[in-house]
PDB file of N, CA and C in Angstrom:
ATOM      1  N   MET A   1       0.991  -1.268  -0.039  1.00  0.00           N
ATOM      2  CA  MET A   1       0.010  -0.149  -0.311  1.00  0.00           C
ATOM      3  C   MET A   1       0.811   1.130  -0.466  1.00  0.00           C
ATOM      4  N   VAL A   2       1.822   1.431   0.856  1.00  0.00           N
ATOM      5  CA  VAL A   2       2.394   2.687   1.108  1.00  0.00           C
ATOM      6  C   VAL A   2       3.273   3.176  -0.260  1.00  0.00           C
ATOM      7  N   SER A   3       3.835   1.420  -0.987  1.00  0.00           N
ATOM      8  CA  SER A   3       4.593   2.102  -2.178  1.00  0.00           C
ATOM      9  C   SER A   3       3.362   2.723  -3.149  1.00  0.00           C
ATOM     10  N   THR A   4       2.286   2.589  -3.668  1.00  0.00           N
ATOM     11  CA  THR A   4       1.880   3.220  -4.076  1.00  0.00           C
ATOM     12  C   THR A   4       1.404   4.770  -3.844  1.00  0.00           C
ATOM     13  N   TYR A   5       1.464   4.887  -1.833  1.00  0.00           N
ATOM     14  CA  TYR A   5       1.402   6.522  -2.020  1.00  0.00           C
ATOM     15  C   TYR A   5       2.547   7.281  -2.648  1.00  0.00           C
ATOM     16  N   LEU A   6       4.081   6.004  -1.972  1.00  0.00           N
ATOM     17  CA  LEU A   6       5.191   6.699  -2.530  1.00  0.00           C
ATOM     18  C   LEU A   6       5.041   7.203  -4.454  1.00  0.00           C
ATOM     19  N   ARG A   7       4.924   5.790  -4.627  1.00  0.00           N
ATOM     20  CA  ARG A   7       4.708   5.879  -6.758  1.00  0.00           C
ATOM     21  C   ARG A   7       4.153   7.500  -7.127  1.00  0.00           C
ATOM     22  N   THR A   8       2.741   7.685  -6.278  1.00  0.00           N
ATOM     23  CA  THR A   8       2.126   8.749  -7.062  1.00  0.00           C
ATOM     24  C   THR A   8       2.018  10.671  -6.369  1.00  0.00           C
ATOM     25  N   GLY A   9       2.937  10.154  -5.506  1.00  0.00           N
ATOM     26  CA  GLY A   9       2.867  11.435  -4.791  1.00  0.00           C
ATOM     27  C   GLY A   9       2.099  11.899  -4.255  1.00  0.00           C
ATOM     28  N   GLN A  10       1.225  11.152  -4.008  1.00  0.00           N
ATOM     29  CA  GLN A  10      -0.144  11.200  -2.787  1.00  0.00           C
ATOM     30  C   GLN A  10       0.246  11.274  -1.305  1.00  0.00           C
ATOM     31  N   LEU A  11      -0.259  12.209  -0.643  1.00  0.00           N
ATOM     32  CA  LEU A  11       0.333  11.893   1.044  1.00  0.00           C
ATOM     33  C   LEU A  11      -0.276  10.543   1.776  1.00  0.00           C
ATOM     34  N   LEU A  12       0.771  10.280   2.755  1.00  0.00           N
ATOM     35  CA  LEU A  12       1.021   9.123   2.749  1.00  0.00           C
ATOM     36  C   LEU A  12      -1.113   8.610   3.856  1.00  0.00           C
ATOM     37  N   PRO A  13      -1.627   8.019   4.572  1.00  0.00           N
ATOM     38  CA  PRO A  13      -2.878   7.827   5.392  1.00  0.00           C
ATOM     39  C   PRO A  13      -2.002   8.538   6.699  1.00  0.00           C
ATOM     40  N   PRO A  14      -3.446   9.006   7.525  1.00  0.00           N
ATOM     41  CA  PRO A  14      -2.463   9.024   9.104  1.00  0.00           C
ATOM     42  C   PRO A  14      -2.556   7.612   9.245  1.00  0.00           C
ATOM     43  N   MET A  15      -1.273   7.794  10.629  1.00  0.00           N
ATOM     44  CA  MET A  15      -0.758   6.520  11.125  1.00  0.00           C
ATOM     45  C   MET A  15      -0.958   6.662  12.724  1.00  0.00           C
ATOM     46  N   PHE A  16      -1.340   4.985  13.065  1.00  0.00           N
ATOM     47  CA  PHE A  16      -1.418   4.675  14.693  1.00  0.00           C
ATOM     48  C   PHE A  16       0.042   4.071  14.634  1.00  0.00           C
ATOM     49  N   VAL A  17       0.643   4.420  15.836  1.00  0.00           N
ATOM     50  CA  VAL A  17       1.660   2.925  15.950  1.00  0.00           C
ATOM     51  C   VAL A  17       1.724   2.820  17.520  1.00  0.00           C
ATOM     52  N   CYS A  18       2.270   1.897  17.231  1.00  0.00           N
ATOM     53  CA  CYS A  18       2.255   0.768  19.294  1.00  0.00           C
ATOM     54  C   CYS A  18       3.496   1.339  19.410  1.00  0.00           C
ATOM     55  N   PHE A  19       3.932   1.233  20.769  1.00  0.00           N
ATOM     56  CA  PHE A  19       5.321   0.586  21.000  1.00  0.00           C
ATOM     57  C   PHE A  19       5.456   0.311  22.237  1.00  0.00           C
ATOM     58  N   ASP A  20       5.880  -0.542  23.188  1.00  0.00           N
ATOM     59  CA  ASP A  20       6.404  -1.655  23.875  1.00  0.00           C
ATOM     60  C   ASP A  20       5.529  -2.189  24.217  1.00  0.00           C
ATOM     61  N   TRP A  21       5.145  -3.116  23.246  1.00  0.00           N
ATOM     62  CA  TRP A  21       4.206  -4.565  23.011  1.00  0.00           C
ATOM     63  C   TRP A  21       4.419  -5.475  23.103  1.00  0.00           C
ATOM     64  N   PRO A  22       4.942  -6.250  24.056  1.00  0.00           N
ATOM     65  CA  PRO A  22       5.597  -7.420  24.672  1.00  0.00           C
ATOM     66  C   PRO A  22       4.444  -8.358  24.327  1.00  0.00           C
ATOM     67  N   ARG A  23       4.444  -9.499  24.038  1.00  0.00           N
ATOM     68  CA  ARG A  23       3.716 -10.560  22.862  1.00  0.00           C
ATOM     69  C   ARG A  23       3.132 -11.317  24.601  1.00  0.00           C
ATOM     70  N   SER A  24       3.919 -10.582  25.791  1.00  0.00           N
ATOM     71  CA  SER A  24       3.310 -11.448  27.412  1.00  0.00           C
ATOM     72  C   SER A  24       2.421 -10.365  27.521  1.00  0.00           C
ATOM     73  N   ARG A  25       1.578  -9.150  26.687  1.00  0.00           N
ATOM     74  CA  ARG A  25       0.936  -8.225  27.329  1.00  0.00           C
ATOM     75  C   ARG A  25      -0.015  -8.439  26.450  1.00  0.00           C
ATOM     76  N   THR A  26      -1.298  -7.690  26.413  1.00  0.00           N
ATOM     77  CA  THR A  26      -2.398  -7.454  26.258  1.00  0.00           C
ATOM     78  C   THR A  26      -2.650  -6.189  24.953  1.00  0.00           C
ATOM     79  N   GLU A  27      -2.310  -5.431  25.706  1.00  0.00           N
ATOM     80  CA  GLU A  27      -2.100  -4.124  24.988  1.00  0.00           C
ATOM     81  C   GLU A  27      -0.633  -3.400  24.770  1.00  0.00           C
ATOM     82  N   PRO A  28      -0.548  -2.630  24.142  1.00  0.00           N
ATOM     83  CA  PRO A  28       0.620  -1.744  23.975  1.00  0.00           C
ATOM     84  C   PRO A  28       0.999  -1.125  25.130  1.00  0.00           C
ATOM     85  N   GLY A  29       2.249  -0.258  25.456  1.00  0.00           N
ATOM     86  CA  GLY A  29       2.569   0.425  26.538  1.00  0.00           C
ATOM     87  C   GLY A  29       2.152   2.112  25.647  1.00  0.00           C
ATOM     88  N   SER A  30       2.557   1.918  24.565  1.00  0.00           N
ATOM     89  CA  SER A  30       1.917   3.343  24.261  1.00  0.00           C
ATOM     90  C   SER A  30       1.464   3.654  23.075  1.00  0.00           C
ATOM     91  N   VAL A  31       0.490   3.964  22.397  1.00  0.00           N
ATOM     92  CA  VAL A  31       0.593   4.812  20.890  1.00  0.00           C
ATOM     93  C   VAL A  31       0.240   5.793  20.650  1.00  0.00           C
ATOM     94  N   TYR A  32       1.005   6.257  19.141  1.00  0.00           N
ATOM     95  CA  TYR A  32       1.057   7.536  18.827  1.00  0.00           C
ATOM     96  C   TYR A  32       0.225   7.459  17.775  1.00  0.00           C
ATOM     97  N   PHE A  33      -0.577   8.532  17.561  1.00  0.00           N
ATOM     98  CA  PHE A  33      -0.984   9.103  15.889  1.00  0.00           C
ATOM     99  C   PHE A  33      -0.586  10.166  16.077  1.00  0.00           C
ATOM    100  N   PHE A  34      -0.004   9.624  14.014  1.00  0.00           N
ATOM    101  CA  PHE A  34       0.823  10.541  13.595  1.00  0.00           C
ATOM    102  C   PHE A  34      -0.513  11.187  12.382  1.00  0.00           C
ATOM    103  N   PRO A  35      -0.791  12.265  11.850  1.00  0.00           N
ATOM    104  CA  PRO A  35      -1.459  12.910  11.134  1.00  0.00           C
ATOM    105  C   PRO A  35      -0.964  12.961   9.773  1.00  0.00           C
ATOM    106  N   LEU A  36      -0.060  13.103   9.526  1.00  0.00           N
ATOM    107  CA  LEU A  36       0.660  13.373   8.656  1.00  0.00           C
ATOM    108  C   LEU A  36       2.143  12.579   8.057  1.00  0.00           C
ATOM    109  N   VAL A  37       2.187  11.854   7.533  1.00  0.00           N
ATOM    110  CA  VAL A  37       4.078  11.489   7.369  1.00  0.00           C
ATOM    111  C   VAL A  37       4.116  11.839   6.233  1.00  0.00           C
ATOM    112  N   PRO A  38       5.179  12.965   5.572  1.00  0.00           N
ATOM    113  CA  PRO A  38       5.467  12.922   4.893  1.00  0.00           C
ATOM    114  C   PRO A  38       6.692  11.877   3.532  1.00  0.00           C
ATOM    115  N   ALA A  39       6.901  11.700   2.357  1.00  0.00           N
ATOM    116  CA  ALA A  39       7.169  10.157   1.886  1.00  0.00           C
ATOM    117  C   ALA A  39       8.651  10.582   2.565  1.00  0.00           C
ATOM    118  N   LYS A  40       9.479  11.640   2.635  1.00  0.00           N
ATOM    119  CA  LYS A  40      10.894  11.758   3.340  1.00  0.00           C
ATOM    120  C   LYS A  40      11.022  10.952   4.165  1.00  0.00           C
ATOM    121  N   ASN A  41      10.106  10.705   5.345  1.00  0.00           N
ATOM    122  CA  ASN A  41      10.210  10.078   6.326  1.00  0.00           C
ATOM    123  C   ASN A  41      10.067   8.628   5.541  1.00  0.00           C
ATOM    124  N   VAL A  42       9.629   8.101   4.396  1.00  0.00           N
ATOM    125  CA  VAL A  42       9.515   6.687   4.654  1.00  0.00           C
ATOM    126  C   VAL A  42      10.803   6.097   3.680  1.00  0.00           C
ATOM    127  N   ALA A  43      11.230   5.207   3.774  1.00  0.00           N
ATOM    128  CA  ALA A  43      12.282   4.824   2.577  1.00  0.00           C
ATOM    129  C   ALA A  43      12.303   2.965   1.972  1.00  0.00           C
ATOM    130  N   LYS A  44      12.224   3.275   1.040  1.00  0.00           N
ATOM    131  CA  LYS A  44      11.683   1.367   0.539  1.00  0.00           C
ATOM    132  C   LYS A  44      13.036   0.721   0.873  1.00  0.00           C
ATOM    133  N   ARG A  45      12.425  -0.524   1.340  1.00  0.00           N
ATOM    134  CA  ARG A  45      14.053  -1.332   1.509  1.00  0.00           C
ATOM    135  C   ARG A  45      13.253  -2.898   0.800  1.00  0.00           C
ATOM    136  N   VAL A  46      14.158  -3.242   0.698  1.00  0.00           N
ATOM    137  CA  VAL A  46      13.577  -4.894   0.655  1.00  0.00           C
ATOM    138  C   VAL A  46      14.444  -6.195   1.387  1.00  0.00           C
ATOM    139  N   LEU A  47      13.532  -7.019   1.858  1.00  0.00           N
ATOM    140  CA  LEU A  47      14.031  -8.142   2.701  1.00  0.00           C
ATOM    141  C   LEU A  47      15.776  -8.639   1.974  1.00  0.00           C
ATOM    142  N   SER A  48      16.947  -9.143   2.830  1.00  0.00           N
ATOM    143  CA  SER A  48      17.548  -9.426   1.952  1.00  0.00           C
ATOM    144  C   SER A  48      17.302 -11.092   1.393  1.00  0.00           C
ATOM    145  N   ASP A  49      17.867 -11.956   0.711  1.00  0.00           N
ATOM    146  CA  ASP A  49      17.418 -13.194   0.251  1.00  0.00           C
ATOM    147  C   ASP A  49      17.510 -14.432   1.608  1.00  0.00           C
ATOM    148  N   GLN A  50      18.829 -13.785   2.159  1.00  0.00           N
ATOM    149  CA  GLN A  50      18.868 -14.715   3.351  1.00  0.00           C
ATOM    150  C   GLN A  50      17.743 -14.817   4.550  1.00  0.00           C
ATOM    151  N   HIS A  51      16.922 -13.800   4.250  1.00  0.00           N
ATOM    152  CA  HIS A  51      15.365 -14.121   5.296  1.00  0.00           C
ATOM    153  C   HIS A  51      14.721 -15.156   4.973  1.00  0.00           C
ATOM    154  N   LYS A  52      14.187 -15.305   6.284  1.00  0.00           N
ATOM    155  CA  LYS A  52      14.141 -17.224   6.149  1.00  0.00           C
ATOM    156  C   LYS A  52      12.767 -17.155   5.931  1.00  0.00           C
ATOM    157  N   THR A  53      11.643 -16.040   6.096  1.00  0.00           N
ATOM    158  CA  THR A  53      10.208 -16.437   5.283  1.00  0.00           C
ATOM    159  C   THR A  53       9.558 -15.521   4.187  1.00  0.00           C
ATOM    160  N   ASP A  54      10.012 -14.263   4.216  1.00  0.00           N
ATOM    161  CA  ASP A  54       9.454 -13.498   3.331  1.00  0.00           C
ATOM    162  C   ASP A  54      11.500 -13.294   2.231  1.00  0.00           C
ATOM    163  N   ALA A  55      11.783 -13.659   1.931  1.00  0.00           N
ATOM    164  CA  ALA A  55      13.094 -13.010   1.008  1.00  0.00           C
ATOM    165  C   ALA A  55      12.661 -12.474  -0.513  1.00  0.00           C
ATOM    166  N   GLY A  56      13.320 -11.362   0.220  1.00  0.00           N
ATOM    167  CA  GLY A  56      13.051 -10.191  -1.808  1.00  0.00           C
ATOM    168  C   GLY A  56      11.470  -9.867  -0.970  1.00  0.00           C
ATOM    169  N   ARG A  57      11.170  -9.397  -0.023  1.00  0.00           N
ATOM    170  CA  ARG A  57       9.388  -8.913   0.370  1.00  0.00           C
ATOM    171  C   ARG A  57       9.727  -7.388  -0.029  1.00  0.00           C
ATOM    172  N   ALA A  58       9.189  -6.569  -0.944  1.00  0.00           N
ATOM    173  CA  ALA A  58       9.299  -5.127  -0.457  1.00  0.00           C
ATOM    174  C   ALA A  58       8.683  -4.501   1.102  1.00  0.00           C
ATOM    175  N   MET A  59       9.279  -3.717   1.484  1.00  0.00           N
ATOM    176  CA  MET A  59       9.100  -3.103   2.920  1.00  0.00           C
ATOM    177  C   MET A  59       8.590  -1.858   2.875  1.00  0.00           C
ATOM    178  N   ALA A  60       8.431  -1.056   3.662  1.00  0.00           N
ATOM    179  CA  ALA A  60       8.489   0.416   3.885  1.00  0.00           C
ATOM    180  C   ALA A  60       9.431   0.322   5.805  1.00  0.00           C
ATOM    181  N   GLU A  61      10.335   1.312   5.348  1.00  0.00           N
ATOM    182  CA  GLU A  61      11.185   1.938   6.464  1.00  0.00           C
ATOM    183  C   GLU A  61      10.818   3.130   6.899  1.00  0.00           C
ATOM    184  N   TYR A  62      10.420   3.078   8.095  1.00  0.00           N
ATOM    185  CA  TYR A  62       9.486   4.674   9.021  1.00  0.00           C
ATOM    186  C   TYR A  62      10.911   5.516   9.444  1.00  0.00           C
ATOM    187  N   ARG A  63      11.197   6.581   8.846  1.00  0.00           N
ATOM    188  CA  ARG A  63      12.461   7.396   9.375  1.00  0.00           C
ATOM    189  C   ARG A  63      12.167   8.273  10.617  1.00  0.00           C
ATOM    190  N   ASP A  64      12.849   8.770  11.325  1.00  0.00           N
ATOM    191  CA  ASP A  64      12.500  10.012  11.884  1.00  0.00           C
ATOM    192  C   ASP A  64      11.612  10.372  12.155  1.00  0.00           C
ATOM    193  N   MET A  65      10.387   9.323  13.072  1.00  0.00           N
ATOM    194  CA  MET A  65       9.348   9.837  12.966  1.00  0.00           C
ATOM    195  C   MET A  65       8.456  10.651  14.312  1.00  0.00           C
ATOM    196  N   LEU A  66       9.783  10.260  15.133  1.00  0.00           N
ATOM    197  CA  LEU A  66       9.020  11.542  16.458  1.00  0.00           C
ATOM    198  C   LEU A  66       9.899  12.735  16.160  1.00  0.00           C
ATOM    199  N   SER A  67      10.046  13.310  14.952  1.00  0.00           N
ATOM    200  CA  SER A  67      10.291  14.586  14.445  1.00  0.00           C
ATOM    201  C   SER A  67       9.262  15.427  13.911  1.00  0.00           C
ATOM    202  N   LEU A  68       8.325  14.337  13.392  1.00  0.00           N
ATOM    203  CA  LEU A  68       7.065  14.768  12.869  1.00  0.00           C
ATOM    204  C   LEU A  68       6.595  15.519  14.548  1.00  0.00           C
ATOM    205  N   PRO A  69       4.648  16.256  13.447  1.00  0.00           N
ATOM    206  CA  PRO A  69       4.376  16.229  14.993  1.00  0.00           C
ATOM    207  C   PRO A  69       2.694  14.949  15.048  1.00  0.00           C
ATOM    208  N   TYR A  70       2.869  14.872  16.683  1.00  0.00           N
ATOM    209  CA  TYR A  70       2.498  13.798  16.767  1.00  0.00           C
ATOM    210  C   TYR A  70       1.084  13.634  18.169  1.00  0.00           C
ATOM    211  N   GLN A  71       0.781  12.750  18.945  1.00  0.00           N
ATOM    212  CA  GLN A  71      -0.382  12.608  19.927  1.00  0.00           C
ATOM    213  C   GLN A  71      -0.394  11.427  20.334  1.00  0.00           C
ATOM    214  N   VAL A  72       0.071  11.596  21.343  1.00  0.00           N
ATOM    215  CA  VAL A  72       0.304  10.256  22.510  1.00  0.00           C
ATOM    216  C   VAL A  72      -1.452  10.140  22.760  1.00  0.00           C
ATOM    217  N   VAL A  73      -1.756   8.487  22.220  1.00  0.00           N
ATOM    218  CA  VAL A  73      -3.246   8.460  22.184  1.00  0.00           C
ATOM    219  C   VAL A  73      -3.268   7.771  23.884  1.00  0.00           C
ATOM    220  N   VAL A  74      -2.201   6.864  24.225  1.00  0.00           N
ATOM    221  CA  VAL A  74      -2.341   5.569  25.047  1.00  0.00           C
ATOM    222  C   VAL A  74      -0.868   5.672  25.706  1.00  0.00           C
ATOM    223  N   GLY A  75      -0.665   6.227  26.807  1.00  0.00           N
ATOM    224  CA  GLY A  75       0.460   5.657  27.834  1.00  0.00           C
ATOM    225  C   GLY A  75       1.855   6.820  27.536  1.00  0.00           C
ATOM    226  N   GLY A  76       2.759   6.385  27.024  1.00  0.00           N
ATOM    227  CA  GLY A  76       4.063   6.926  26.406  1.00  0.00           C
ATOM    228  C   GLY A  76       4.251   7.495  28.119  1.00  0.00           C
ATOM    229  N   ASP A  77       5.664   8.484  27.572  1.00  0.00           N
ATOM    230  CA  ASP A  77       6.223   9.165  28.578  1.00  0.00           C
ATOM    231  C   ASP A  77       5.940  10.654  27.877  1.00  0.00           C
ATOM    232  N   VAL A  78       4.930  10.890  28.556  1.00  0.00           N
ATOM    233  CA  VAL A  78       3.845  12.158  28.647  1.00  0.00           C
ATOM    234  C   VAL A  78       5.100  13.343  28.249  1.00  0.00           C
ATOM    235  N   ALA A  79       6.112  13.565  29.625  1.00  0.00           N
ATOM    236  CA  ALA A  79       6.672  14.586  29.735  1.00  0.00           C
ATOM    237  C   ALA A  79       8.005  14.957  28.544  1.00  0.00           C
ATOM    238  N   ASN A  80       8.031  13.797  28.074  1.00  0.00           N
ATOM    239  CA  ASN A  80       8.963  14.137  27.010  1.00  0.00           C
ATOM    240  C   ASN A  80       8.276  14.197  25.558  1.00  0.00           C
ATOM    241  N   THR A  81       7.306  14.058  25.560  1.00  0.00           N
ATOM    242  CA  THR A  81       6.201  14.091  24.049  1.00  0.00           C
ATOM    243  C   THR A  81       5.867  15.594  24.451  1.00  0.00           C
ATOM    244  N   ALA A  82       5.597  16.621  25.195  1.00  0.00           N
ATOM    245  CA  ALA A  82       4.314  17.396  25.440  1.00  0.00           C
ATOM    246  C   ALA A  82       4.487  18.680  24.182  1.00  0.00           C
ATOM    247  N   VAL A  83       5.976  18.114  23.834  1.00  0.00           N
ATOM    248  CA  VAL A  83       6.744  19.750  22.867  1.00  0.00           C
ATOM    249  C   VAL A  83       5.764  19.205  21.376  1.00  0.00           C
ATOM    250  N   LYS A  84       5.873  18.394  20.873  1.00  0.00           N
ATOM    251  CA  LYS A  84       5.537  17.553  20.098  1.00  0.00           C
ATOM    252  C   LYS A  84       3.637  17.223  19.896  1.00  0.00           C
ATOM    253  N   ARG A  85       2.929  16.885  20.578  1.00  0.00           N
ATOM    254  CA  ARG A  85       2.502  17.083  20.736  1.00  0.00           C
ATOM    255  C   ARG A  85       0.959  17.840  19.863  1.00  0.00           C
ATOM    256  N   LEU A  86      -0.114  17.703  19.206  1.00  0.00           N
ATOM    257  CA  LEU A  86      -0.916  18.194  19.045  1.00  0.00           C
ATOM    258  C   LEU A  86      -1.986  19.206  18.978  1.00  0.00           C
ATOM    259  N   ARG A  87      -1.725  20.504  18.626  1.00  0.00           N
ATOM    260  CA  ARG A  87      -2.520  21.407  19.518  1.00  0.00           C
ATOM    261  C   ARG A  87      -3.924  21.469  19.185  1.00  0.00           C
TER     262      ARG A  87
END
């Protein structure tokens, strides 16, 4: 899906990101909402031929996400994120 947006130059859809979610827990430690993700923060990458399950699969790598405007929806370190929170 992301490759279509990058290829056509459209804005990427808003995104929720879950952090700190070990398998032993039923809910993530924190959830962040990113309303705008520019293409410059997304890089294409392909899994190596040595990958055990999906060799050659196209992937998207999100970079410097915390430099973008975001809102902490659940949990998180609010003291460190208050500056970037949406108003």
